[in-house]
Amino acid sequence: MFPDLDYARLKRSCQYFVEHYASAEFDAGSHPLKLLEQDELLRTIRDKQALVVAIADFVDGTQDFCRERVSEIDRDLQKRDAYTLSFLREHFASLRDKI
């Protein structure tokens, strides 16, 4: 679905969002990254699409974040060598415009 994006970096971005914004919503058996890890050997295009959808949902949920908060998240994600929120916002906005 997004061959230009690195799966590992997408996964690190998703991990950040889950840890900071949704960790209380998941138990050990339903944590999205744990489920991904269990299935990584069998990963298919559908897995990457599910990851992209999850990230898109998080990105959409940050639209009301102030510039300072976005910069803080960007720094945290850069430290993890993950895609920044600013990059993801731009990337997903350009894809949304194409649809």
PDB file of N, CA and C in Angstrom:
ATOM      1  N   MET A   1       0.822  -1.192   0.000  1.00  0.00           N
ATOM      2  CA  MET A   1       0.000   0.000   0.000  1.00  0.00           C
ATOM      3  C   MET A   1       0.866   1.256   0.000  1.00  0.00           C
ATOM      4  N   PHE A   2       1.922   1.272   0.806  1.00  0.00           N
ATOM      5  CA  PHE A   2       2.846   2.403   0.868  1.00  0.00           C
ATOM      6  C   PHE A   2       4.268   1.876   0.749  1.00  0.00           C
ATOM      7  N   PRO A   3       4.670   1.455  -0.432  1.00  0.00           N
ATOM      8  CA  PRO A   3       5.980   0.819  -0.589  1.00  0.00           C
ATOM      9  C   PRO A   3       7.143   1.756  -0.282  1.00  0.00           C
ATOM     10  N   ASP A   4       6.898   3.061  -0.273  1.00  0.00           N
ATOM     11  CA  ASP A   4       7.981   4.001  -0.004  1.00  0.00           C
ATOM     12  C   ASP A   4       8.247   4.180   1.489  1.00  0.00           C
ATOM     13  N   LEU A   5       7.406   3.610   2.347  1.00  0.00           N
ATOM     14  CA  LEU A   5       7.602   3.733   3.789  1.00  0.00           C
ATOM     15  C   LEU A   5       8.212   2.460   4.359  1.00  0.00           C
ATOM     16  N   ASP A   6       9.155   2.631   5.253  1.00  0.00           N
ATOM     17  CA  ASP A   6       9.848   1.516   5.891  1.00  0.00           C
ATOM     18  C   ASP A   6       8.977   0.928   6.999  1.00  0.00           C
ATOM     19  N   TYR A   7       8.723  -0.357   6.933  1.00  0.00           N
ATOM     20  CA  TYR A   7       7.850  -1.031   7.897  1.00  0.00           C
ATOM     21  C   TYR A   7       8.350  -0.872   9.328  1.00  0.00           C
ATOM     22  N   ALA A   8       9.626  -1.054   9.559  1.00  0.00           N
ATOM     23  CA  ALA A   8      10.174  -0.967  10.921  1.00  0.00           C
ATOM     24  C   ALA A   8       9.988   0.430  11.498  1.00  0.00           C
ATOM     25  N   ARG A   9      10.197   1.446  10.688  1.00  0.00           N
ATOM     26  CA  ARG A   9      10.008   2.821  11.159  1.00  0.00           C
ATOM     27  C   ARG A   9       8.535   3.106  11.427  1.00  0.00           C
ATOM     28  N   LEU A  10       7.654   2.580  10.572  1.00  0.00           N
ATOM     29  CA  LEU A  10       6.217   2.731  10.827  1.00  0.00           C
ATOM     30  C   LEU A  10       5.843   2.075  12.150  1.00  0.00           C
ATOM     31  N   LYS A  11       6.410   0.903  12.387  1.00  0.00           N
ATOM     32  CA  LYS A  11       6.111   0.169  13.611  1.00  0.00           C
ATOM     33  C   LYS A  11       6.574   0.960  14.842  1.00  0.00           C
ATOM     34  N   ARG A  12       7.760   1.562  14.772  1.00  0.00           N
ATOM     35  CA  ARG A  12       8.248   2.368  15.900  1.00  0.00           C
ATOM     36  C   ARG A  12       7.355   3.589  16.126  1.00  0.00           C
ATOM     37  N   SER A  13       6.867   4.185  15.052  1.00  0.00           N
ATOM     38  CA  SER A  13       5.950   5.314  15.191  1.00  0.00           C
ATOM     39  C   SER A  13       4.665   4.861  15.885  1.00  0.00           C
ATOM     40  N   CYS A  14       4.129   3.738  15.444  1.00  0.00           N
ATOM     41  CA  CYS A  14       2.910   3.212  16.049  1.00  0.00           C
ATOM     42  C   CYS A  14       3.132   2.879  17.522  1.00  0.00           C
ATOM     43  N   GLN A  15       4.280   2.297  17.834  1.00  0.00           N
ATOM     44  CA  GLN A  15       4.595   1.952  19.216  1.00  0.00           C
ATOM     45  C   GLN A  15       4.565   3.195  20.098  1.00  0.00           C
ATOM     46  N   TYR A  16       5.130   4.280  19.613  1.00  0.00           N
ATOM     47  CA  TYR A  16       5.116   5.533  20.372  1.00  0.00           C
ATOM     48  C   TYR A  16       3.675   5.970  20.643  1.00  0.00           C
ATOM     49  N   PHE A  17       2.841   5.976  19.604  1.00  0.00           N
ATOM     50  CA  PHE A  17       1.464   6.432  19.772  1.00  0.00           C
ATOM     51  C   PHE A  17       0.697   5.537  20.741  1.00  0.00           C
ATOM     52  N   VAL A  18       0.878   4.240  20.642  1.00  0.00           N
ATOM     53  CA  VAL A  18       0.198   3.325  21.560  1.00  0.00           C
ATOM     54  C   VAL A  18       0.658   3.578  22.990  1.00  0.00           C
ATOM     55  N   GLU A  19       1.966   3.691  23.193  1.00  0.00           N
ATOM     56  CA  GLU A  19       2.499   3.910  24.541  1.00  0.00           C
ATOM     57  C   GLU A  19       1.983   5.208  25.158  1.00  0.00           C
ATOM     58  N   HIS A  20       1.899   6.252  24.373  1.00  0.00           N
ATOM     59  CA  HIS A  20       1.553   7.564  24.916  1.00  0.00           C
ATOM     60  C   HIS A  20       0.063   7.882  24.904  1.00  0.00           C
ATOM     61  N   TYR A  21      -0.701   7.245  24.039  1.00  0.00           N
ATOM     62  CA  TYR A  21      -2.091   7.641  23.892  1.00  0.00           C
ATOM     63  C   TYR A  21      -3.110   6.513  24.008  1.00  0.00           C
ATOM     64  N   ALA A  22      -2.673   5.271  24.056  1.00  0.00           N
ATOM     65  CA  ALA A  22      -3.662   4.199  24.084  1.00  0.00           C
ATOM     66  C   ALA A  22      -3.249   3.005  24.923  1.00  0.00           C
ATOM     67  N   SER A  23      -2.164   3.072  25.661  1.00  0.00           N
ATOM     68  CA  SER A  23      -1.663   1.880  26.349  1.00  0.00           C
ATOM     69  C   SER A  23      -2.658   1.319  27.356  1.00  0.00           C
ATOM     70  N   ALA A  24      -3.456   2.165  27.983  1.00  0.00           N
ATOM     71  CA  ALA A  24      -4.417   1.676  28.975  1.00  0.00           C
ATOM     72  C   ALA A  24      -5.577   0.919  28.328  1.00  0.00           C
ATOM     73  N   GLU A  25      -5.755   1.080  27.033  1.00  0.00           N
ATOM     74  CA  GLU A  25      -6.873   0.449  26.343  1.00  0.00           C
ATOM     75  C   GLU A  25      -6.622  -1.012  25.981  1.00  0.00           C
ATOM     76  N   PHE A  26      -5.382  -1.472  26.124  1.00  0.00           N
ATOM     77  CA  PHE A  26      -5.044  -2.819  25.663  1.00  0.00           C
ATOM     78  C   PHE A  26      -4.536  -3.676  26.815  1.00  0.00           C
ATOM     79  N   ASP A  27      -4.953  -4.963  26.808  1.00  0.00           N
ATOM     80  CA  ASP A  27      -4.345  -5.906  27.736  1.00  0.00           C
ATOM     81  C   ASP A  27      -3.237  -6.642  26.990  1.00  0.00           C
ATOM     82  N   ALA A  28      -2.565  -7.524  27.677  1.00  0.00           N
ATOM     83  CA  ALA A  28      -1.413  -8.207  27.073  1.00  0.00           C
ATOM     84  C   ALA A  28      -1.792  -8.959  25.798  1.00  0.00           C
ATOM     85  N   GLY A  29      -2.989  -9.484  25.733  1.00  0.00           N
ATOM     86  CA  GLY A  29      -3.395 -10.261  24.566  1.00  0.00           C
ATOM     87  C   GLY A  29      -3.902  -9.435  23.397  1.00  0.00           C
ATOM     88  N   SER A  30      -4.241  -8.169  23.654  1.00  0.00           N
ATOM     89  CA  SER A  30      -4.812  -7.368  22.571  1.00  0.00           C
ATOM     90  C   SER A  30      -3.927  -6.203  22.153  1.00  0.00           C
ATOM     91  N   HIS A  31      -2.757  -6.084  22.751  1.00  0.00           N
ATOM     92  CA  HIS A  31      -1.855  -4.987  22.412  1.00  0.00           C
ATOM     93  C   HIS A  31      -1.475  -5.101  20.941  1.00  0.00           C
ATOM     94  N   PRO A  32      -1.705  -4.046  20.147  1.00  0.00           N
ATOM     95  CA  PRO A  32      -1.497  -4.168  18.698  1.00  0.00           C
ATOM     96  C   PRO A  32      -0.073  -4.526  18.294  1.00  0.00           C
ATOM     97  N   LEU A  33       0.905  -4.038  19.008  1.00  0.00           N
ATOM     98  CA  LEU A  33       2.284  -4.371  18.627  1.00  0.00           C
ATOM     99  C   LEU A  33       2.641  -5.796  19.010  1.00  0.00           C
ATOM    100  N   LYS A  34       2.097  -6.287  20.090  1.00  0.00           N
ATOM    101  CA  LYS A  34       2.325  -7.692  20.448  1.00  0.00           C
ATOM    102  C   LYS A  34       1.695  -8.601  19.395  1.00  0.00           C
ATOM    103  N   LEU A  35       0.513  -8.221  18.933  1.00  0.00           N
ATOM    104  CA  LEU A  35      -0.137  -9.014  17.892  1.00  0.00           C
ATOM    105  C   LEU A  35       0.674  -8.984  16.604  1.00  0.00           C
ATOM    106  N   LEU A  36       1.223  -7.829  16.280  1.00  0.00           N
ATOM    107  CA  LEU A  36       2.073  -7.728  15.086  1.00  0.00           C
ATOM    108  C   LEU A  36       3.308  -8.610  15.217  1.00  0.00           C
ATOM    109  N   GLU A  37       3.939  -8.578  16.389  1.00  0.00           N
ATOM    110  CA  GLU A  37       5.147  -9.365  16.607  1.00  0.00           C
ATOM    111  C   GLU A  37       4.860 -10.862  16.475  1.00  0.00           C
ATOM    112  N   GLN A  38       3.700 -11.292  16.966  1.00  0.00           N
ATOM    113  CA  GLN A  38       3.345 -12.708  16.872  1.00  0.00           C
ATOM    114  C   GLN A  38       3.197 -13.156  15.428  1.00  0.00           C
ATOM    115  N   ASP A  39       2.798 -12.251  14.594  1.00  0.00           N
ATOM    116  CA  ASP A  39       2.522 -12.606  13.200  1.00  0.00           C
ATOM    117  C   ASP A  39       3.586 -12.136  12.216  1.00  0.00           C
ATOM    118  N   GLU A  40       4.698 -11.585  12.693  1.00  0.00           N
ATOM    119  CA  GLU A  40       5.670 -11.004  11.776  1.00  0.00           C
ATOM    120  C   GLU A  40       6.240 -12.011  10.779  1.00  0.00           C
ATOM    121  N   LEU A  41       6.375 -13.243  11.184  1.00  0.00           N
ATOM    122  CA  LEU A  41       6.887 -14.233  10.238  1.00  0.00           C
ATOM    123  C   LEU A  41       5.906 -14.456   9.091  1.00  0.00           C
ATOM    124  N   LEU A  42       4.658 -14.208   9.353  1.00  0.00           N
ATOM    125  CA  LEU A  42       3.622 -14.405   8.338  1.00  0.00           C
ATOM    126  C   LEU A  42       3.110 -13.077   7.772  1.00  0.00           C
ATOM    127  N   ARG A  43       3.889 -12.039   8.013  1.00  0.00           N
ATOM    128  CA  ARG A  43       3.455 -10.698   7.605  1.00  0.00           C
ATOM    129  C   ARG A  43       3.169 -10.639   6.105  1.00  0.00           C
ATOM    130  N   THR A  44       2.093  -9.975   5.783  1.00  0.00           N
ATOM    131  CA  THR A  44       1.703  -9.799   4.381  1.00  0.00           C
ATOM    132  C   THR A  44       1.437  -8.324   4.144  1.00  0.00           C
ATOM    133  N   ILE A  45       1.058  -8.021   2.953  1.00  0.00           N
ATOM    134  CA  ILE A  45       0.699  -6.646   2.627  1.00  0.00           C
ATOM    135  C   ILE A  45      -0.428  -6.176   3.537  1.00  0.00           C
ATOM    136  N   ARG A  46      -1.331  -7.054   3.861  1.00  0.00           N
ATOM    137  CA  ARG A  46      -2.462  -6.694   4.728  1.00  0.00           C
ATOM    138  C   ARG A  46      -1.990  -6.227   6.101  1.00  0.00           C
ATOM    139  N   ASP A  47      -0.918  -6.824   6.627  1.00  0.00           N
ATOM    140  CA  ASP A  47      -0.381  -6.397   7.915  1.00  0.00           C
ATOM    141  C   ASP A  47       0.090  -4.950   7.849  1.00  0.00           C
ATOM    142  N   LYS A  48       0.806  -4.633   6.781  1.00  0.00           N
ATOM    143  CA  LYS A  48       1.301  -3.266   6.638  1.00  0.00           C
ATOM    144  C   LYS A  48       0.131  -2.298   6.482  1.00  0.00           C
ATOM    145  N   GLN A  49      -0.878  -2.710   5.758  1.00  0.00           N
ATOM    146  CA  GLN A  49      -2.047  -1.857   5.594  1.00  0.00           C
ATOM    147  C   GLN A  49      -2.719  -1.596   6.938  1.00  0.00           C
ATOM    148  N   ALA A  50      -2.807  -2.623   7.781  1.00  0.00           N
ATOM    149  CA  ALA A  50      -3.409  -2.452   9.106  1.00  0.00           C
ATOM    150  C   ALA A  50      -2.584  -1.484   9.949  1.00  0.00           C
ATOM    151  N   LEU A  51      -1.271  -1.581   9.847  1.00  0.00           N
ATOM    152  CA  LEU A  51      -0.393  -0.665  10.573  1.00  0.00           C
ATOM    153  C   LEU A  51      -0.598   0.770  10.083  1.00  0.00           C
ATOM    154  N   VAL A  52      -0.685   0.935   8.779  1.00  0.00           N
ATOM    155  CA  VAL A  52      -0.882   2.266   8.204  1.00  0.00           C
ATOM    156  C   VAL A  52      -2.231   2.839   8.649  1.00  0.00           C
ATOM    157  N   VAL A  53      -3.259   2.014   8.682  1.00  0.00           N
ATOM    158  CA  VAL A  53      -4.577   2.475   9.127  1.00  0.00           C
ATOM    159  C   VAL A  53      -4.512   2.910  10.587  1.00  0.00           C
ATOM    160  N   ALA A  54      -3.839   2.131  11.427  1.00  0.00           N
ATOM    161  CA  ALA A  54      -3.705   2.491  12.841  1.00  0.00           C
ATOM    162  C   ALA A  54      -2.971   3.818  12.995  1.00  0.00           C
ATOM    163  N   ILE A  55      -1.885   3.993  12.261  1.00  0.00           N
ATOM    164  CA  ILE A  55      -1.131   5.242  12.337  1.00  0.00           C
ATOM    165  C   ILE A  55      -1.974   6.394  11.820  1.00  0.00           C
ATOM    166  N   ALA A  56      -2.682   6.177  10.728  1.00  0.00           N
ATOM    167  CA  ALA A  56      -3.540   7.230  10.172  1.00  0.00           C
ATOM    168  C   ALA A  56      -4.570   7.680  11.201  1.00  0.00           C
ATOM    169  N   ASP A  57      -5.112   6.737  11.971  1.00  0.00           N
ATOM    170  CA  ASP A  57      -6.068   7.090  13.019  1.00  0.00           C
ATOM    171  C   ASP A  57      -5.412   7.953  14.093  1.00  0.00           C
ATOM    172  N   PHE A  58      -4.192   7.575  14.506  1.00  0.00           N
ATOM    173  CA  PHE A  58      -3.481   8.384  15.491  1.00  0.00           C
ATOM    174  C   PHE A  58      -3.168   9.771  14.935  1.00  0.00           C
ATOM    175  N   VAL A  59      -2.678   9.818  13.708  1.00  0.00           N
ATOM    176  CA  VAL A  59      -2.337  11.100  13.083  1.00  0.00           C
ATOM    177  C   VAL A  59      -3.578  11.978  13.010  1.00  0.00           C
ATOM    178  N   ASP A  60      -4.683  11.400  12.615  1.00  0.00           N
ATOM    179  CA  ASP A  60      -5.931  12.158  12.546  1.00  0.00           C
ATOM    180  C   ASP A  60      -6.325  12.697  13.922  1.00  0.00           C
ATOM    181  N   GLY A  61      -6.058  11.924  14.952  1.00  0.00           N
ATOM    182  CA  GLY A  61      -6.395  12.343  16.310  1.00  0.00           C
ATOM    183  C   GLY A  61      -5.500  13.440  16.859  1.00  0.00           C
ATOM    184  N   THR A  62      -4.455  13.800  16.128  1.00  0.00           N
ATOM    185  CA  THR A  62      -3.537  14.847  16.605  1.00  0.00           C
ATOM    186  C   THR A  62      -3.766  16.182  15.911  1.00  0.00           C
ATOM    187  N   GLN A  63      -4.805  16.291  15.128  1.00  0.00           N
ATOM    188  CA  GLN A  63      -5.012  17.504  14.344  1.00  0.00           C
ATOM    189  C   GLN A  63      -5.183  18.756  15.216  1.00  0.00           C
ATOM    190  N   ASP A  64      -5.638  18.586  16.451  1.00  0.00           N
ATOM    191  CA  ASP A  64      -5.810  19.753  17.312  1.00  0.00           C
ATOM    192  C   ASP A  64      -4.599  20.012  18.219  1.00  0.00           C
ATOM    193  N   PHE A  65      -3.517  19.268  18.047  1.00  0.00           N
ATOM    194  CA  PHE A  65      -2.316  19.478  18.852  1.00  0.00           C
ATOM    195  C   PHE A  65      -1.653  20.789  18.448  1.00  0.00           C
ATOM    196  N   CYS A  66      -1.171  21.524  19.433  1.00  0.00           N
ATOM    197  CA  CYS A  66      -0.464  22.770  19.149  1.00  0.00           C
ATOM    198  C   CYS A  66       0.910  22.463  18.541  1.00  0.00           C
ATOM    199  N   ARG A  67       1.493  23.462  17.922  1.00  0.00           N
ATOM    200  CA  ARG A  67       2.787  23.310  17.246  1.00  0.00           C
ATOM    201  C   ARG A  67       3.863  22.805  18.212  1.00  0.00           C
ATOM    202  N   GLU A  68       3.843  23.298  19.450  1.00  0.00           N
ATOM    203  CA  GLU A  68       4.848  22.878  20.432  1.00  0.00           C
ATOM    204  C   GLU A  68       4.721  21.396  20.759  1.00  0.00           C
ATOM    205  N   ARG A  69       3.479  20.921  20.888  1.00  0.00           N
ATOM    206  CA  ARG A  69       3.264  19.500  21.189  1.00  0.00           C
ATOM    207  C   ARG A  69       3.731  18.636  20.022  1.00  0.00           C
ATOM    208  N   VAL A  70       3.431  19.075  18.810  1.00  0.00           N
ATOM    209  CA  VAL A  70       3.873  18.330  17.618  1.00  0.00           C
ATOM    210  C   VAL A  70       5.398  18.277  17.581  1.00  0.00           C
ATOM    211  N   SER A  71       6.054  19.400  17.884  1.00  0.00           N
ATOM    212  CA  SER A  71       7.523  19.419  17.899  1.00  0.00           C
ATOM    213  C   SER A  71       8.076  18.472  18.957  1.00  0.00           C
ATOM    214  N   GLU A  72       7.438  18.426  20.108  1.00  0.00           N
ATOM    215  CA  GLU A  72       7.864  17.514  21.175  1.00  0.00           C
ATOM    216  C   GLU A  72       7.730  16.054  20.732  1.00  0.00           C
ATOM    217  N   ILE A  73       6.606  15.722  20.111  1.00  0.00           N
ATOM    218  CA  ILE A  73       6.389  14.364  19.614  1.00  0.00           C
ATOM    219  C   ILE A  73       7.407  14.042  18.524  1.00  0.00           C
ATOM    220  N   ASP A  74       7.662  15.008  17.634  1.00  0.00           N
ATOM    221  CA  ASP A  74       8.653  14.800  16.573  1.00  0.00           C
ATOM    222  C   ASP A  74      10.017  14.458  17.162  1.00  0.00           C
ATOM    223  N   ARG A  75      10.427  15.185  18.198  1.00  0.00           N
ATOM    224  CA  ARG A  75      11.734  14.904  18.822  1.00  0.00           C
ATOM    225  C   ARG A  75      11.753  13.502  19.426  1.00  0.00           C
ATOM    226  N   ASP A  76      10.676  13.139  20.119  1.00  0.00           N
ATOM    227  CA  ASP A  76      10.603  11.799  20.714  1.00  0.00           C
ATOM    228  C   ASP A  76      10.692  10.718  19.638  1.00  0.00           C
ATOM    229  N   LEU A  77       9.995  10.916  18.542  1.00  0.00           N
ATOM    230  CA  LEU A  77      10.007   9.929  17.466  1.00  0.00           C
ATOM    231  C   LEU A  77      11.364   9.888  16.769  1.00  0.00           C
ATOM    232  N   GLN A  78      12.011  11.028  16.604  1.00  0.00           N
ATOM    233  CA  GLN A  78      13.351  11.059  15.997  1.00  0.00           C
ATOM    234  C   GLN A  78      14.337  10.258  16.839  1.00  0.00           C
ATOM    235  N   LYS A  79      14.221  10.361  18.155  1.00  0.00           N
ATOM    236  CA  LYS A  79      15.103   9.603  19.046  1.00  0.00           C
ATOM    237  C   LYS A  79      14.940   8.099  18.839  1.00  0.00           C
ATOM    238  N   ARG A  80      13.770   7.682  18.413  1.00  0.00           N
ATOM    239  CA  ARG A  80      13.497   6.270  18.161  1.00  0.00           C
ATOM    240  C   ARG A  80      13.785   5.871  16.717  1.00  0.00           C
ATOM    241  N   ASP A  81      14.287   6.803  15.929  1.00  0.00           N
ATOM    242  CA  ASP A  81      14.484   6.590  14.498  1.00  0.00           C
ATOM    243  C   ASP A  81      13.172   6.149  13.853  1.00  0.00           C
ATOM    244  N   ALA A  82      12.101   6.824  14.256  1.00  0.00           N
ATOM    245  CA  ALA A  82      10.774   6.556  13.710  1.00  0.00           C
ATOM    246  C   ALA A  82      10.339   7.763  12.885  1.00  0.00           C
ATOM    247  N   TYR A  83       9.324   7.568  12.064  1.00  0.00           N
ATOM    248  CA  TYR A  83       8.788   8.689  11.300  1.00  0.00           C
ATOM    249  C   TYR A  83       8.180   9.705  12.257  1.00  0.00           C
ATOM    250  N   THR A  84       8.454  10.967  12.017  1.00  0.00           N
ATOM    251  CA  THR A  84       7.921  12.017  12.882  1.00  0.00           C
ATOM    252  C   THR A  84       6.445  12.245  12.582  1.00  0.00           C
ATOM    253  N   LEU A  85       5.770  12.833  13.554  1.00  0.00           N
ATOM    254  CA  LEU A  85       4.372  13.177  13.358  1.00  0.00           C
ATOM    255  C   LEU A  85       4.220  14.166  12.215  1.00  0.00           C
ATOM    256  N   SER A  86       5.119  15.132  12.132  1.00  0.00           N
ATOM    257  CA  SER A  86       5.047  16.107  11.037  1.00  0.00           C
ATOM    258  C   SER A  86       5.150  15.420   9.682  1.00  0.00           C
ATOM    259  N   PHE A  87       6.096  14.483   9.560  1.00  0.00           N
ATOM    260  CA  PHE A  87       6.247  13.740   8.314  1.00  0.00           C
ATOM    261  C   PHE A  87       4.986  12.935   8.015  1.00  0.00           C
ATOM    262  N   LEU A  88       4.479  12.237   9.031  1.00  0.00           N
ATOM    263  CA  LEU A  88       3.300  11.405   8.824  1.00  0.00           C
ATOM    264  C   LEU A  88       2.085  12.245   8.454  1.00  0.00           C
ATOM    265  N   ARG A  89       1.940  13.393   9.104  1.00  0.00           N
ATOM    266  CA  ARG A  89       0.833  14.289   8.747  1.00  0.00           C
ATOM    267  C   ARG A  89       0.928  14.694   7.287  1.00  0.00           C
ATOM    268  N   GLU A  90       2.116  15.092   6.858  1.00  0.00           N
ATOM    269  CA  GLU A  90       2.308  15.517   5.473  1.00  0.00           C
ATOM    270  C   GLU A  90       2.062  14.367   4.509  1.00  0.00           C
ATOM    271  N   HIS A  91       2.609  13.202   4.845  1.00  0.00           N
ATOM    272  CA  HIS A  91       2.482  12.037   3.975  1.00  0.00           C
ATOM    273  C   HIS A  91       1.021  11.611   3.832  1.00  0.00           C
ATOM    274  N   PHE A  92       0.321  11.522   4.952  1.00  0.00           N
ATOM    275  CA  PHE A  92      -1.056  11.067   4.903  1.00  0.00           C
ATOM    276  C   PHE A  92      -1.973  12.127   4.310  1.00  0.00           C
ATOM    277  N   ALA A  93      -1.661  13.391   4.504  1.00  0.00           N
ATOM    278  CA  ALA A  93      -2.464  14.455   3.884  1.00  0.00           C
ATOM    279  C   ALA A  93      -2.338  14.401   2.374  1.00  0.00           C
ATOM    280  N   SER A  94      -1.116  14.164   1.878  1.00  0.00           N
ATOM    281  CA  SER A  94      -0.936  14.108   0.422  1.00  0.00           C
ATOM    282  C   SER A  94      -1.644  12.883  -0.150  1.00  0.00           C
ATOM    283  N   LEU A  95      -1.676  11.776   0.588  1.00  0.00           N
ATOM    284  CA  LEU A  95      -2.389  10.599   0.115  1.00  0.00           C
ATOM    285  C   LEU A  95      -3.885  10.828   0.135  1.00  0.00           C
ATOM    286  N   ARG A  96      -4.370  11.499   1.185  1.00  0.00           N
ATOM    287  CA  ARG A  96      -5.792  11.791   1.309  1.00  0.00           C
ATOM    288  C   ARG A  96      -6.240  12.691   0.155  1.00  0.00           C
ATOM    289  N   ASP A  97      -5.386  13.632  -0.230  1.00  0.00           N
ATOM    290  CA  ASP A  97      -5.698  14.531  -1.340  1.00  0.00           C
ATOM    291  C   ASP A  97      -5.820  13.791  -2.662  1.00  0.00           C
ATOM    292  N   LYS A  98      -5.095  12.677  -2.791  1.00  0.00           N
ATOM    293  CA  LYS A  98      -5.120  11.894  -4.032  1.00  0.00           C
ATOM    294  C   LYS A  98      -6.366  11.030  -4.152  1.00  0.00           C
ATOM    295  N   ILE A  99      -6.997  10.764  -3.014  1.00  0.00           N
ATOM    296  CA  ILE A  99      -8.171   9.871  -3.005  1.00  0.00           C
ATOM    297  C   ILE A  99      -9.411  10.607  -3.457  1.00  0.00           C
TER     298      ILE A  99
END
